[in-house]
C-alpha atoms as a PDB file:
ATOM      1  CA  MET A   1      -7.258  17.145 -20.599  1.00  0.00           C
ATOM      2  CA  LYS A   2     -10.276  16.398 -18.359  1.00  0.00           C
ATOM      3  CA  ASN A   3     -12.945  18.966 -17.700  1.00  0.00           C
ATOM      4  CA  ILE A   4     -13.420  19.730 -13.686  1.00  0.00           C
ATOM      5  CA  THR A   5     -16.873  19.277 -12.509  1.00  0.00           C
ATOM      6  CA  VAL A   6     -17.501  22.106 -10.473  1.00  0.00           C
ATOM      7  CA  ILE A   7     -19.572  21.641  -7.468  1.00  0.00           C
ATOM      8  CA  PRO A   8     -21.586  24.296  -6.019  1.00  0.00           C
ATOM      9  CA  GLU A   9     -21.372  24.824  -2.549  1.00  0.00           C
ATOM     10  CA  LEU A  10     -22.137  27.588   0.056  1.00  0.00           C
ATOM     11  CA  PHE A  11     -20.401  27.870   3.506  1.00  0.00           C
ATOM     12  CA  VAL A  12     -21.946  30.120   5.597  1.00  0.00           C
ATOM     13  CA  LEU A  13     -19.331  30.953   8.195  1.00  0.00           C
ATOM     14  CA  GLY A  14     -19.303  32.571  11.546  1.00  0.00           C
ATOM     15  CA  ALA A  15     -15.844  34.661  11.877  1.00  0.00           C
ATOM     16  CA  GLY A  16     -16.355  35.249  15.617  1.00  0.00           C
ATOM     17  CA  PRO A  17     -16.200  38.499  17.160  1.00  0.00           C
ATOM     18  CA  GLY A  18     -13.042  39.981  16.346  1.00  0.00           C
ATOM     19  CA  ASP A  19      -9.950  37.903  17.310  1.00  0.00           C
ATOM     20  CA  PRO A  20      -9.113  35.784  14.268  1.00  0.00           C
ATOM     21  CA  GLU A  21      -7.831  32.961  16.871  1.00  0.00           C
ATOM     22  CA  LEU A  22     -11.606  32.684  18.198  1.00  0.00           C
ATOM     23  CA  ILE A  23     -12.685  30.937  14.866  1.00  0.00           C
ATOM     24  CA  THR A  24     -13.998  27.412  15.183  1.00  0.00           C
ATOM     25  CA  VAL A  25     -11.478  24.464  14.101  1.00  0.00           C
ATOM     26  CA  LYS A  26     -14.082  23.848  11.474  1.00  0.00           C
ATOM     27  CA  GLY A  27     -14.429  27.088  10.129  1.00  0.00           C
ATOM     28  CA  TYR A  28     -10.651  27.319  10.007  1.00  0.00           C
ATOM     29  CA  LYS A  29     -10.358  24.489   8.015  1.00  0.00           C
ATOM     30  CA  ILE A  30     -13.035  25.178   5.308  1.00  0.00           C
ATOM     31  CA  LEU A  31     -11.275  28.547   4.654  1.00  0.00           C
ATOM     32  CA  GLN A  32      -8.168  26.605   3.851  1.00  0.00           C
ATOM     33  CA  GLN A  33     -10.330  24.905   0.908  1.00  0.00           C
ATOM     34  CA  ALA A  34     -12.736  28.025  -0.433  1.00  0.00           C
ATOM     35  CA  ASP A  35     -12.496  28.631  -4.078  1.00  0.00           C
ATOM     36  CA  VAL A  36     -13.941  32.262  -3.173  1.00  0.00           C
ATOM     37  CA  ILE A  37     -14.446  34.130  -0.328  1.00  0.00           C
ATOM     38  CA  LEU A  38     -17.651  36.752  -0.002  1.00  0.00           C
ATOM     39  CA  TYR A  39     -16.493  38.193   3.541  1.00  0.00           C
ATOM     40  CA  ASP A  40     -18.184  41.100   5.303  1.00  0.00           C
ATOM     41  CA  ASN A  41     -16.647  44.393   7.410  1.00  0.00           C
ATOM     42  CA  LEU A  42     -16.690  42.376  10.705  1.00  0.00           C
ATOM     43  CA  ALA A  43     -14.532  39.475   9.686  1.00  0.00           C
ATOM     44  CA  ASN A  44     -10.815  39.760  10.802  1.00  0.00           C
ATOM     45  CA  LYS A  45      -9.090  40.017   7.591  1.00  0.00           C
ATOM     46  CA  ASP A  46      -6.236  38.041   8.723  1.00  0.00           C
ATOM     47  CA  LEU A  47      -8.496  35.228   8.521  1.00  0.00           C
ATOM     48  CA  LEU A  48      -7.994  35.579   4.482  1.00  0.00           C
ATOM     49  CA  SER A  49      -4.429  34.494   4.386  1.00  0.00           C
ATOM     50  CA  LEU A  50      -5.646  30.849   5.442  1.00  0.00           C
ATOM     51  CA  ALA A  51      -7.240  30.437   1.978  1.00  0.00           C
ATOM     52  CA  PRO A  52      -5.480  28.883  -0.729  1.00  0.00           C
ATOM     53  CA  GLU A  53      -3.582  30.731  -3.290  1.00  0.00           C
ATOM     54  CA  HIS A  54      -6.181  30.627  -6.148  1.00  0.00           C
ATOM     55  CA  CYS A  55      -8.953  31.688  -3.800  1.00  0.00           C
ATOM     56  CA  ASP A  56     -10.741  35.007  -4.461  1.00  0.00           C
ATOM     57  CA  LYS A  57     -11.405  37.077  -1.565  1.00  0.00           C
ATOM     58  CA  ILE A  58     -14.166  39.675  -2.260  1.00  0.00           C
ATOM     59  CA  TYR A  59     -15.165  42.560  -0.084  1.00  0.00           C
ATOM     60  CA  VAL A  60     -18.935  42.688   0.329  1.00  0.00           C
ATOM     61  CA  GLY A  61     -19.008  44.717   3.582  1.00  0.00           C
ATOM     62  CA  LYS A  62     -21.828  46.905   5.387  1.00  0.00           C
ATOM     63  CA  GLN A  63     -20.411  49.696   6.964  1.00  0.00           C
ATOM     64  CA  PRO A  64     -22.953  50.957   9.550  1.00  0.00           C
ATOM     65  CA  TYR A  65     -25.022  53.835   8.611  1.00  0.00           C
ATOM     66  CA  GLY A  66     -22.752  54.008   5.881  1.00  0.00           C
ATOM     67  CA  GLU A  67     -22.196  52.559   2.324  1.00  0.00           C
ATOM     68  CA  TYR A  68     -23.022  48.562   1.787  1.00  0.00           C
ATOM     69  CA  THR A  69     -23.302  46.010  -0.586  1.00  0.00           C
ATOM     70  CA  PRO A  70     -26.776  45.717  -1.349  1.00  0.00           C
ATOM     71  CA  GLN A  71     -27.997  41.910  -0.024  1.00  0.00           C
ATOM     72  CA  GLU A  72     -29.660  41.160  -3.477  1.00  0.00           C
ATOM     73  CA  GLN A  73     -26.157  41.573  -5.032  1.00  0.00           C
ATOM     74  CA  ILE A  74     -24.854  39.352  -2.449  1.00  0.00           C
ATOM     75  CA  HIS A  75     -27.040  36.900  -3.552  1.00  0.00           C
ATOM     76  CA  GLU A  76     -26.133  37.060  -7.018  1.00  0.00           C
ATOM     77  CA  MET A  77     -22.655  36.722  -6.264  1.00  0.00           C
ATOM     78  CA  ILE A  78     -23.000  33.519  -4.150  1.00  0.00           C
ATOM     79  CA  LYS A  79     -24.830  32.058  -6.981  1.00  0.00           C
ATOM     80  CA  HIS A  80     -22.106  33.238  -9.982  1.00  0.00           C
ATOM     81  CA  PHE A  81     -19.020  31.776  -7.552  1.00  0.00           C
ATOM     82  CA  ALA A  82     -21.009  28.825  -6.639  1.00  0.00           C
ATOM     83  CA  PHE A  83     -21.420  27.486 -10.286  1.00  0.00           C
ATOM     84  CA  THR A  84     -18.224  28.755 -11.798  1.00  0.00           C
ATOM     85  CA  LYS A  85     -15.898  27.985  -8.765  1.00  0.00           C
ATOM     86  CA  GLY A  86     -17.304  25.969  -6.346  1.00  0.00           C
ATOM     87  CA  LYS A  87     -16.800  26.388  -2.884  1.00  0.00           C
ATOM     88  CA  VAL A  88     -17.894  29.831  -1.823  1.00  0.00           C
ATOM     89  CA  VAL A  89     -17.479  30.708   2.028  1.00  0.00           C
ATOM     90  CA  ARG A  90     -19.542  33.526   3.512  1.00  0.00           C
ATOM     91  CA  LEU A  91     -17.637  34.982   6.106  1.00  0.00           C
ATOM     92  CA  LYS A  92     -19.551  37.229   8.538  1.00  0.00           C
ATOM     93  CA  GLY A  93     -18.763  38.544  11.830  1.00  0.00           C
ATOM     94  CA  GLY A  94     -19.887  36.784  14.734  1.00  0.00           C
ATOM     95  CA  ASP A  95     -22.214  34.508  14.329  1.00  0.00           C
ATOM     96  CA  PRO A  96     -24.031  34.281  11.016  1.00  0.00           C
ATOM     97  CA  PHE A  97     -27.549  33.237  12.741  1.00  0.00           C
ATOM     98  CA  ILE A  98     -27.509  36.206  15.550  1.00  0.00           C
ATOM     99  CA  PHE A  99     -28.777  39.468  13.404  1.00  0.00           C
ATOM    100  CA  GLY A 100     -26.761  38.431  10.781  1.00  0.00           C
ATOM    101  CA  ARG A 101     -28.930  37.418   7.584  1.00  0.00           C
ATOM    102  CA  GLY A 102     -26.953  34.231   6.990  1.00  0.00           C
ATOM    103  CA  PHE A 103     -30.045  31.923   6.906  1.00  0.00           C
ATOM    104  CA  GLU A 104     -31.433  34.588   4.174  1.00  0.00           C
ATOM    105  CA  GLU A 105     -28.587  33.730   1.956  1.00  0.00           C
ATOM    106  CA  ILE A 106     -28.827  29.877   2.758  1.00  0.00           C
ATOM    107  CA  ILE A 107     -32.464  29.679   1.813  1.00  0.00           C
ATOM    108  CA  TYR A 108     -31.445  31.518  -1.548  1.00  0.00           C
ATOM    109  CA  ALA A 109     -28.821  29.144  -2.306  1.00  0.00           C
ATOM    110  CA  ARG A 110     -30.648  26.200  -1.785  1.00  0.00           C
ATOM    111  CA  GLU A 111     -33.765  27.799  -4.205  1.00  0.00           C
ATOM    112  CA  HIS A 112     -30.744  27.871  -6.650  1.00  0.00           C
ATOM    113  CA  GLY A 113     -29.640  24.078  -6.447  1.00  0.00           C
ATOM    114  CA  ILE A 114     -26.504  25.147  -4.278  1.00  0.00           C
ATOM    115  CA  LYS A 115     -25.651  22.724  -1.127  1.00  0.00           C
ATOM    116  CA  THR A 116     -25.422  24.721   1.796  1.00  0.00           C
ATOM    117  CA  HIS A 117     -23.346  24.222   5.142  1.00  0.00           C
ATOM    118  CA  PHE A 118     -23.609  26.280   8.378  1.00  0.00           C
ATOM    119  CA  ILE A 119     -20.793  26.373  10.698  1.00  0.00           C
ATOM    120  CA  PRO A 120     -21.377  28.728  13.520  1.00  0.00           C
ATOM    121  CA  GLY A 121     -19.028  31.506  15.277  1.00  0.00           C
ATOM    122  CA  ILE A 122     -18.606  33.141  18.636  1.00  0.00           C
ATOM    123  CA  THR A 123     -21.105  36.023  18.525  1.00  0.00           C
ATOM    124  CA  SER A 124     -20.240  39.503  20.053  1.00  0.00           C
ATOM    125  CA  MET A 125     -22.115  39.315  23.544  1.00  0.00           C
ATOM    126  CA  GLN A 126     -19.942  36.052  24.440  1.00  0.00           C
ATOM    127  CA  ALA A 127     -16.624  38.223  24.228  1.00  0.00           C
ATOM    128  CA  SER A 128     -18.202  40.130  27.218  1.00  0.00           C
ATOM    129  CA  GLY A 129     -16.060  38.005  29.367  1.00  0.00           C
ATOM    130  CA  PHE A 130     -12.665  39.658  28.249  1.00  0.00           C
ATOM    131  CA  GLU A 131     -14.166  42.986  30.609  1.00  0.00           C
ATOM    132  CA  ASP A 132     -14.645  40.587  33.831  1.00  0.00           C
ATOM    133  CA  ILE A 133     -18.823  40.505  32.600  1.00  0.00           C
ATOM    134  CA  PRO A 134     -20.831  37.218  33.167  1.00  0.00           C
ATOM    135  CA  LEU A 135     -23.768  37.386  30.799  1.00  0.00           C
ATOM    136  CA  THR A 136     -25.557  34.960  33.510  1.00  0.00           C
ATOM    137  CA  HIS A 137     -24.726  34.835  37.833  1.00  0.00           C
ATOM    138  CA  ARG A 138     -26.221  32.818  39.639  1.00  0.00           C
ATOM    139  CA  SER A 139     -27.398  35.175  42.203  1.00  0.00           C
ATOM    140  CA  LEU A 140     -28.190  38.288  39.882  1.00  0.00           C
ATOM    141  CA  SER A 141     -29.334  37.016  36.539  1.00  0.00           C
ATOM    142  CA  GLU A 142     -30.797  33.545  35.337  1.00  0.00           C
ATOM    143  CA  SER A 143     -31.552  34.507  31.526  1.00  0.00           C
ATOM    144  CA  VAL A 144     -30.104  36.773  28.704  1.00  0.00           C
ATOM    145  CA  TRP A 145     -32.679  38.919  26.312  1.00  0.00           C
ATOM    146  CA  MET A 146     -30.289  39.277  23.033  1.00  0.00           C
ATOM    147  CA  VAL A 147     -32.077  42.735  21.307  1.00  0.00           C
ATOM    148  CA  THR A 148     -31.043  44.421  17.798  1.00  0.00           C
ATOM    149  CA  GLY A 149     -31.128  47.940  18.123  1.00  0.00           C
ATOM    150  CA  THR A 150     -31.906  48.551  14.424  1.00  0.00           C
ATOM    151  CA  LYS A 151     -35.336  47.174  13.183  1.00  0.00           C
ATOM    152  CA  LYS A 152     -35.703  47.069   9.239  1.00  0.00           C
ATOM    153  CA  ASP A 153     -37.801  49.915   9.458  1.00  0.00           C
ATOM    154  CA  GLY A 154     -35.247  51.822  11.912  1.00  0.00           C
ATOM    155  CA  ARG A 155     -37.163  51.854  15.048  1.00  0.00           C
ATOM    156  CA  LEU A 156     -36.118  50.478  18.096  1.00  0.00           C
ATOM    157  CA  SER A 157     -37.201  47.148  19.325  1.00  0.00           C
ATOM    158  CA  ALA A 158     -40.457  47.019  20.944  1.00  0.00           C
ATOM    159  CA  ASP A 159     -39.014  43.709  22.831  1.00  0.00           C
ATOM    160  CA  LEU A 160     -36.828  45.796  25.090  1.00  0.00           C
ATOM    161  CA  LYS A 161     -39.684  47.428  27.076  1.00  0.00           C
ATOM    162  CA  LEU A 162     -40.398  43.415  27.590  1.00  0.00           C
ATOM    163  CA  ALA A 163     -36.506  43.100  28.579  1.00  0.00           C
ATOM    164  CA  ILE A 164     -36.551  45.929  30.876  1.00  0.00           C
ATOM    165  CA  GLN A 165     -39.752  44.081  32.651  1.00  0.00           C
ATOM    166  CA  SER A 166     -37.000  41.540  33.623  1.00  0.00           C
ATOM    167  CA  LYS A 167     -34.233  40.845  36.024  1.00  0.00           C
ATOM    168  CA  ALA A 168     -32.252  39.361  32.625  1.00  0.00           C
ATOM    169  CA  THR A 169     -29.224  40.925  31.650  1.00  0.00           C
ATOM    170  CA  VAL A 170     -30.203  42.719  28.527  1.00  0.00           C
ATOM    171  CA  VAL A 171     -27.570  42.549  25.238  1.00  0.00           C
ATOM    172  CA  VAL A 172     -28.325  45.307  22.465  1.00  0.00           C
ATOM    173  CA  TYR A 173     -26.417  44.759  19.519  1.00  0.00           C
ATOM    174  CA  MET A 174     -26.141  47.172  16.773  1.00  0.00           C
ATOM    175  CA  GLY A 175     -27.762  50.180  19.296  1.00  0.00           C
ATOM    176  CA  MET A 176     -25.194  52.950  19.426  1.00  0.00           C
ATOM    177  CA  LYS A 177     -27.403  55.004  17.513  1.00  0.00           C
ATOM    178  CA  LYS A 178     -30.143  54.266  19.760  1.00  0.00           C
ATOM    179  CA  LEU A 179     -28.445  55.093  22.692  1.00  0.00           C
ATOM    180  CA  HIS A 180     -30.979  58.093  23.783  1.00  0.00           C
ATOM    181  CA  GLU A 181     -34.162  55.883  23.171  1.00  0.00           C
ATOM    182  CA  ILE A 182     -32.635  53.073  25.069  1.00  0.00           C
ATOM    183  CA  ALA A 183     -31.625  55.494  28.088  1.00  0.00           C
ATOM    184  CA  GLU A 184     -35.169  56.781  27.745  1.00  0.00           C
ATOM    185  CA  ALA A 185     -36.683  54.103  27.846  1.00  0.00           C
ATOM    186  CA  TYR A 186     -35.244  52.743  30.727  1.00  0.00           C
ATOM    187  CA  ILE A 187     -35.653  55.866  32.583  1.00  0.00           C
ATOM    188  CA  GLU A 188     -39.639  55.728  31.685  1.00  0.00           C
ATOM    189  CA  SER A 189     -40.075  52.682  33.451  1.00  0.00           C
ATOM    190  CA  GLY A 190     -38.251  53.567  36.453  1.00  0.00           C
ATOM    191  CA  ASN A 191     -34.984  51.637  36.081  1.00  0.00           C
ATOM    192  CA  GLY A 192     -32.476  54.077  34.934  1.00  0.00           C
ATOM    193  CA  ASP A 193     -30.344  53.459  37.459  1.00  0.00           C
ATOM    194  CA  ILE A 194     -29.448  49.854  36.540  1.00  0.00           C
ATOM    195  CA  PRO A 195     -25.728  49.227  35.809  1.00  0.00           C
ATOM    196  CA  ALA A 196     -24.693  48.802  32.075  1.00  0.00           C
ATOM    197  CA  ALA A 197     -21.576  48.847  30.441  1.00  0.00           C
ATOM    198  CA  ILE A 198     -20.417  49.485  26.597  1.00  0.00           C
ATOM    199  CA  ILE A 199     -17.844  47.169  24.856  1.00  0.00           C
ATOM    200  CA  GLN A 200     -16.323  48.182  21.482  1.00  0.00           C
ATOM    201  CA  HIS A 201     -14.116  46.182  19.543  1.00  0.00           C
ATOM    202  CA  ALA A 202     -14.623  43.064  21.901  1.00  0.00           C
ATOM    203  CA  SER A 203     -11.773  40.698  21.723  1.00  0.00           C
ATOM    204  CA  LEU A 204      -9.331  43.098  19.921  1.00  0.00           C
ATOM    205  CA  PRO A 205      -6.127  44.696  20.974  1.00  0.00           C
ATOM    206  CA  ASN A 206      -7.944  48.363  20.414  1.00  0.00           C
ATOM    207  CA  GLN A 207     -11.101  46.894  22.439  1.00  0.00           C
ATOM    208  CA  LYS A 208     -12.656  49.794  24.670  1.00  0.00           C
ATOM    209  CA  SER A 209     -15.338  50.100  27.527  1.00  0.00           C
ATOM    210  CA  ALA A 210     -16.800  51.871  30.254  1.00  0.00           C
ATOM    211  CA  ARG A 211     -19.932  51.473  32.592  1.00  0.00           C
ATOM    212  CA  GLY A 212     -22.123  53.246  34.312  1.00  0.00           C
ATOM    213  CA  LEU A 213     -26.135  53.558  34.939  1.00  0.00           C
ATOM    214  CA  VAL A 214     -27.923  53.110  32.166  1.00  0.00           C
ATOM    215  CA  LYS A 215     -29.373  56.267  31.999  1.00  0.00           C
ATOM    216  CA  ASN A 216     -26.312  57.891  31.585  1.00  0.00           C
ATOM    217  CA  LEU A 217     -24.964  55.629  28.063  1.00  0.00           C
ATOM    218  CA  PRO A 218     -24.947  58.422  25.888  1.00  0.00           C
ATOM    219  CA  GLU A 219     -22.864  60.616  28.122  1.00  0.00           C
ATOM    220  CA  ILE A 220     -20.428  57.934  28.824  1.00  0.00           C
ATOM    221  CA  ALA A 221     -20.516  57.051  25.006  1.00  0.00           C
ATOM    222  CA  GLU A 222     -19.654  60.409  24.259  1.00  0.00           C
ATOM    223  CA  SER A 223     -17.025  61.007  27.022  1.00  0.00           C
ATOM    224  CA  MET A 224     -15.373  58.110  26.004  1.00  0.00           C
ATOM    225  CA  GLN A 225     -15.352  58.411  22.399  1.00  0.00           C
ATOM    226  CA  LEU A 226     -17.300  54.750  21.980  1.00  0.00           C
ATOM    227  CA  THR A 227     -19.026  53.907  18.702  1.00  0.00           C
ATOM    228  CA  TYR A 228     -19.440  51.229  16.784  1.00  0.00           C
ATOM    229  CA  PRO A 229     -18.724  48.281  16.350  1.00  0.00           C
ATOM    230  CA  ALA A 230     -19.803  48.142  20.080  1.00  0.00           C
ATOM    231  CA  ILE A 231     -22.339  45.946  22.415  1.00  0.00           C
ATOM    232  CA  ILE A 232     -24.366  47.383  24.973  1.00  0.00           C
ATOM    233  CA  ILE A 233     -24.800  45.200  28.138  1.00  0.00           C
ATOM    234  CA  ILE A 234     -27.468  46.196  30.466  1.00  0.00           C
ATOM    235  CA  GLY A 235     -27.763  44.235  34.004  1.00  0.00           C
ATOM    236  CA  GLU A 236     -26.370  43.574  37.619  1.00  0.00           C
ATOM    237  CA  VAL A 237     -23.754  41.249  35.897  1.00  0.00           C
ATOM    238  CA  THR A 238     -21.844  44.624  34.738  1.00  0.00           C
ATOM    239  CA  ASN A 239     -21.124  45.678  38.109  1.00  0.00           C
ATOM    240  CA  ILE A 240     -20.281  42.523  39.750  1.00  0.00           C
ATOM    241  CA  PRO A 241     -17.095  43.376  42.219  1.00  0.00           C
ATOM    242  CA  GLN A 242     -13.637  42.381  40.932  1.00  0.00           C
END
C-alpha cells in the first residue's frame, strides 16, 4: 500500500452573518473537501454537514465575555492538523479579515510552511439590509465607519469620537457591553438625537431588532432584551421612511 503524502494547507473561510445559504460558492466547495474544520461560535453549524465523512469537526469558539479557546491553542491546532491531516478549514463567522483575527492565523501558518488561502465572507453589517437599513444612501450618508466596541485593552475605540464628527453611517461591532459609553460619547458631542438601530442574530430566523435615538440605546436594548451577537448602526439611514 502506497503512503499518501499530506499537503498542509489552511483555508481561512468566512461563514457569513448567520444564514448558511449566504456562504460563497467557493466556500461551499472547500467545505466539501475539508479534512479538518476548526469552527467558531458564530459560524452556522449547518455548514458542517457539507464536509465529507472523514472530516474532523472541532469547535474552537470564543463565547463573548465567557470561556474561549486561546488564540495560541488555535494556532497550534492549525499546525498540527495541517501536517497530519492536510486541508484545514478555519471557519469563522462573518468575514475573517474584519475584526476576525483571520490574518493572524494566515501569518502563523505561513511561518510554519503551510500554504494558505483566504475566502471572504459577508460581514454582519451587510445584513442590515434584512431590516431595510442601507449602509449608504445618496442623500443621507456617503461613507461608512466600521468600529470595534471591544479593543484588546478593553477600552472603547478612540475612532468612535472621530466617526461622530462625520455624517457617515457608523457601525459598531462587538459593542453591546459598551452601549452606555457609546451613548455617552454621542451625548457629550451634542449628537445624542441621531437615530440608531441594534440588530441581533442578523440574517437568522431568530433575528431581532430595535430602533431609536443613540442616546437611548442602553434602555432600548434592555427593554427589548437585545444582547450579543449584535451590530449597532448609528446614522440617518436607520430612520428612512419605509
